[in-house]
Amino acid sequence: MDVHIARERISSWKDFLVRYLLIVAGILSAWAVNQWNESRHQRRTAEQTRTALKAELVRNLSEIQHARQFDEKQLAKSNAYMHQLVAAIKVGPSGKKSTQKIIAGWDGRLLDDQVSVERSSWDAAVAGQAVTTLDAGELRRFAGAYAALRLLDGISGGPQDLQNRYGQWELDRRLGATDATELARLLVRYEGRVLYELAILQSVEESVDGALHGPELPDARGSPASAARAG
């Protein structure tokens, strides 16, 4: 049995216009609802991404500050010892006993504080394109902070040759063949290296702190709603 659906005839232009407007209104309404849902999803994704990145940067900032304080403490200790040692060496042979006493009191090492930072939240946000939901201003700051963090990869552990030379000096001291001048040289090199590390740490710390506490900027479209979300 065939079933035929009755179709109403369009008897006038007015009837056609009414039906046309109803179809257009339905399409526009569906599009508006879809846009609203998409906008809500993007806002939620942006907030989750922002929260995760800030939490990760807060942990990294704490690690950097700890490393900087450690380096400053070690540098002050080694410099104070180095000045005593150099002063004793300058005295010459008459200051040999003083020099040996200073070396005997050396209990330090050329210590390095390993800086361990996290980037997993950033890598996940980039891989999943969640960073595209962030406002342009804060995205630039986050990207700059994580780019700065990569500078720390180059200073972790310090120069290996310095550690090797210090290890050899320590062995010589245990064998009774102490070279005070060589230790002074090592301490001078250690000072230069730590000052370089401190400069890097300070620069990275400023970038991370700027990403966390910098002024919130509107996105490229200048949307006030985007600026509000950034806050």
Protein backbone atom coordinates (compact mmCIF):
# COMPACT_ATOMS: atom_id res chain seq x y z
CA MET A 1 0.00 0.00 0.00
CA ASP A 2 1.39 3.35 -0.98
CA VAL A 3 1.25 6.20 1.50
CA HIS A 4 1.18 9.68 0.13
CA ILE A 5 1.92 12.64 2.39
CA ALA A 6 -0.37 15.47 1.74
CA ARG A 7 1.40 18.65 0.78
CA GLU A 8 -0.07 22.03 1.37
CA ARG A 9 -0.04 24.24 -1.61
CA ILE A 10 1.46 27.68 -1.47
CA SER A 11 -1.33 29.86 -2.61
CA SER A 12 0.32 33.26 -2.35
CA TRP A 13 3.62 35.08 -2.04
CA LYS A 14 2.71 35.95 1.52
CA ASP A 15 2.35 32.27 2.37
CA PHE A 16 5.70 31.54 0.68
CA LEU A 17 7.44 34.37 2.55
CA VAL A 18 6.10 33.18 5.92
CA ARG A 19 7.35 29.65 5.31
CA TYR A 20 10.69 30.90 4.04
CA LEU A 21 11.19 33.06 7.12
CA LEU A 22 10.29 30.15 9.40
CA ILE A 23 12.94 27.97 7.70
CA VAL A 24 15.56 30.72 7.91
CA ALA A 25 14.69 31.40 11.55
CA GLY A 26 15.06 27.70 12.34
CA ILE A 27 18.46 27.51 10.67
CA LEU A 28 19.71 30.68 12.38
CA SER A 29 18.44 29.48 15.75
CA ALA A 30 20.24 26.16 15.34
CA TRP A 31 23.41 27.98 14.30
CA ALA A 32 23.15 30.36 17.29
CA VAL A 33 22.73 27.46 19.71
CA ASN A 34 25.70 25.67 18.16
CA GLN A 35 27.84 28.82 18.43
CA TRP A 36 26.81 29.30 22.05
CA ASN A 37 27.73 25.71 22.89
CA GLU A 38 31.05 26.06 21.09
CA SER A 39 31.81 29.34 22.87
CA ARG A 40 30.97 27.79 26.24
CA HIS A 41 33.20 24.80 25.49
CA GLN A 42 36.08 27.08 24.50
CA ARG A 43 35.71 29.16 27.67
CA ARG A 44 35.73 26.02 29.79
CA THR A 45 38.76 24.63 27.94
CA ALA A 46 40.59 27.97 28.26
CA GLU A 47 39.94 28.12 32.01
CA GLN A 48 41.11 24.54 32.55
CA THR A 49 44.22 25.15 30.44
CA ARG A 50 45.00 28.42 32.21
CA THR A 51 44.62 26.80 35.62
CA ALA A 52 46.87 23.85 34.71
CA LEU A 53 49.59 26.04 33.21
CA LYS A 54 49.61 28.47 36.13
CA ALA A 55 49.84 25.62 38.65
CA GLU A 56 52.77 24.13 36.72
CA LEU A 57 54.53 27.49 36.49
CA VAL A 58 54.04 28.11 40.22
CA ARG A 59 55.84 24.83 40.95
CA ASN A 60 58.58 25.73 38.48
CA LEU A 61 58.97 29.19 40.00
CA SER A 62 59.43 27.65 43.44
CA GLU A 63 62.08 25.28 42.05
CA ILE A 64 63.94 28.12 40.35
CA GLN A 65 63.90 30.29 43.47
CA HIS A 66 65.21 27.39 45.54
CA ALA A 67 68.04 26.80 43.04
CA ARG A 68 68.93 30.50 43.00
CA GLN A 69 69.08 30.69 46.79
CA PHE A 70 71.20 27.54 46.90
CA ASP A 71 73.66 28.95 44.34
CA GLU A 72 73.89 32.27 46.17
CA LYS A 73 74.65 30.49 49.44
CA GLN A 74 77.29 28.25 47.85
CA LEU A 75 78.88 31.19 46.03
CA ALA A 76 79.17 33.24 49.23
CA LYS A 77 80.76 30.27 51.01
CA SER A 78 83.27 29.46 48.25
CA ASN A 79 84.18 33.13 47.70
CA ALA A 80 84.92 33.68 51.39
CA TYR A 81 87.14 30.62 51.40
CA MET A 82 88.81 31.60 48.13
CA HIS A 83 89.78 35.05 49.46
CA GLN A 84 91.40 33.47 52.52
CA LEU A 85 93.26 30.97 50.37
CA VAL A 86 94.52 33.57 47.87
CA ALA A 87 95.68 35.83 50.69
CA ALA A 88 97.65 32.95 52.25
CA ILE A 89 99.21 31.98 48.89
CA LYS A 90 100.35 35.57 48.29
CA VAL A 91 102.35 35.52 51.51
CA GLY A 92 104.69 33.03 49.91
CA PRO A 93 106.70 30.25 51.58
CA SER A 94 106.29 31.86 55.00
CA GLY A 95 102.56 31.38 54.71
CA LYS A 96 102.78 27.71 53.79
CA LYS A 97 101.51 26.50 57.17
CA SER A 98 98.63 28.93 57.01
CA THR A 99 97.81 27.75 53.49
CA GLN A 100 97.88 24.10 54.56
CA LYS A 101 95.63 24.90 57.50
CA ILE A 102 93.12 26.63 55.25
CA ILE A 103 93.12 23.71 52.83
CA ALA A 104 92.71 21.25 55.68
CA GLY A 105 89.62 23.14 56.73
CA TRP A 106 88.10 22.95 53.26
CA ASP A 107 85.08 20.67 53.56
CA GLY A 108 83.22 21.98 50.59
CA ARG A 109 82.60 20.71 47.11
CA LEU A 110 81.80 22.50 43.91
CA LEU A 111 78.14 21.71 44.37
CA ASP A 112 75.49 21.99 41.70
CA ASP A 113 71.81 22.19 42.46
CA GLN A 114 69.99 20.28 39.76
CA VAL A 115 67.08 22.38 38.48
CA SER A 116 64.16 20.14 37.62
CA VAL A 117 61.28 21.92 35.92
CA GLU A 118 58.00 20.59 34.55
CA ARG A 119 56.58 21.12 31.07
CA SER A 120 54.03 18.32 30.80
CA SER A 121 50.95 20.56 31.08
CA TRP A 122 52.28 22.89 28.39
CA ASP A 123 53.22 20.03 26.07
CA ALA A 124 49.76 18.48 26.49
CA ALA A 125 48.02 21.81 25.86
CA VAL A 126 50.07 22.36 22.70
CA ALA A 127 49.54 18.80 21.43
CA GLY A 128 45.79 19.02 22.03
CA GLN A 129 45.60 22.60 20.66
CA ALA A 130 44.04 23.77 23.93
CA VAL A 131 46.42 26.74 23.89
CA THR A 132 44.46 28.16 20.95
CA THR A 133 41.56 28.87 23.31
CA LEU A 134 43.69 31.28 25.36
CA ASP A 135 43.75 34.99 24.70
CA ALA A 136 46.62 36.14 22.50
CA GLY A 137 48.25 38.20 25.25
CA GLU A 138 48.40 35.47 27.87
CA LEU A 139 49.36 32.88 25.25
CA ARG A 140 52.42 34.98 24.37
CA ARG A 141 53.39 35.19 28.04
CA PHE A 142 52.94 31.47 28.63
CA ALA A 143 54.90 30.63 25.47
CA GLY A 144 57.68 33.02 26.52
CA ALA A 145 57.87 31.51 30.00
CA TYR A 146 58.12 27.94 28.72
CA ALA A 147 60.68 28.95 26.12
CA ALA A 148 62.73 30.54 28.92
CA LEU A 149 62.49 27.34 30.97
CA ARG A 150 64.34 25.50 28.22
CA LEU A 151 67.38 27.67 28.94
CA LEU A 152 67.77 25.74 32.18
CA ASP A 153 68.50 22.55 30.26
CA GLY A 154 71.88 23.99 29.28
CA ILE A 155 73.09 24.77 32.80
CA SER A 156 72.03 21.66 34.70
CA GLY A 157 75.07 19.86 36.08
CA GLY A 158 77.63 22.49 35.12
CA PRO A 159 80.76 22.00 33.00
CA GLN A 160 82.00 18.42 33.26
CA ASP A 161 85.66 19.39 32.92
CA LEU A 162 85.44 21.49 36.09
CA GLN A 163 84.01 18.56 38.02
CA ASN A 164 86.71 16.26 36.63
CA ARG A 165 89.50 18.67 37.61
CA TYR A 166 88.07 19.07 41.09
CA GLY A 167 87.81 15.30 41.46
CA GLN A 168 91.49 14.99 40.54
CA TRP A 169 92.44 17.71 43.04
CA GLU A 170 90.47 15.97 45.78
CA LEU A 171 92.30 12.72 45.03
CA ASP A 172 95.67 14.52 45.16
CA ARG A 173 94.75 16.01 48.53
CA ARG A 174 93.99 12.57 49.93
CA LEU A 175 97.36 11.38 48.63
CA GLY A 176 99.11 14.28 50.35
CA ALA A 177 99.98 16.14 47.16
CA THR A 178 97.84 19.23 47.70
CA ASP A 179 98.11 22.09 45.19
CA ALA A 180 96.70 25.25 46.77
CA THR A 181 97.04 27.28 43.57
CA GLU A 182 95.04 24.70 41.60
CA LEU A 183 92.22 24.87 44.15
CA ALA A 184 92.22 28.66 43.89
CA ARG A 185 91.92 28.36 40.10
CA LEU A 186 89.03 25.94 40.46
CA LEU A 187 87.25 28.26 42.87
CA VAL A 188 87.64 31.18 40.46
CA ARG A 189 86.16 29.10 37.65
CA TYR A 190 83.39 27.95 39.96
CA GLU A 191 82.59 31.58 40.77
CA GLY A 192 82.30 32.46 37.10
CA ARG A 193 80.09 29.49 36.40
CA VAL A 194 77.75 30.15 39.32
CA LEU A 195 77.43 33.82 38.37
CA TYR A 196 76.44 32.72 34.86
CA GLU A 197 73.87 30.29 36.26
CA LEU A 198 72.46 32.96 38.56
CA ALA A 199 72.00 35.31 35.60
CA ILE A 200 70.10 32.60 33.70
CA LEU A 201 67.99 31.72 36.74
CA GLN A 202 67.14 35.38 37.31
CA SER A 203 66.10 35.84 33.69
CA VAL A 204 63.94 32.70 33.69
CA GLU A 205 62.42 33.61 37.04
CA GLU A 206 61.36 37.01 35.68
CA SER A 207 59.76 35.39 32.61
CA VAL A 208 57.83 32.86 34.69
CA ASP A 209 56.76 35.48 37.22
CA GLY A 210 55.63 37.73 34.37
CA ALA A 211 53.49 34.94 32.92
CA LEU A 212 51.86 34.42 36.33
CA HIS A 213 51.37 38.02 37.39
CA GLY A 214 51.58 40.05 34.20
CA PRO A 215 48.68 42.28 33.07
CA GLU A 216 45.90 40.42 31.34
CA LEU A 217 45.48 41.55 27.75
CA PRO A 218 42.53 41.15 25.36
CA ASP A 219 42.91 38.85 22.40
CA ALA A 220 43.74 39.92 18.84
CA ARG A 221 40.10 40.83 18.18
CA GLY A 222 40.09 43.13 21.19
CA SER A 223 37.09 41.32 22.63
CA PRO A 224 36.04 42.65 26.05
CA ALA A 225 34.64 39.20 26.85
CA SER A 226 38.04 37.69 26.11
CA ALA A 227 39.69 40.22 28.38
CA ALA A 228 37.24 39.33 31.14
CA ARG A 229 37.94 35.63 30.70
CA ALA A 230 41.67 36.26 30.93
CA GLY A 231 41.19 37.79 34.36
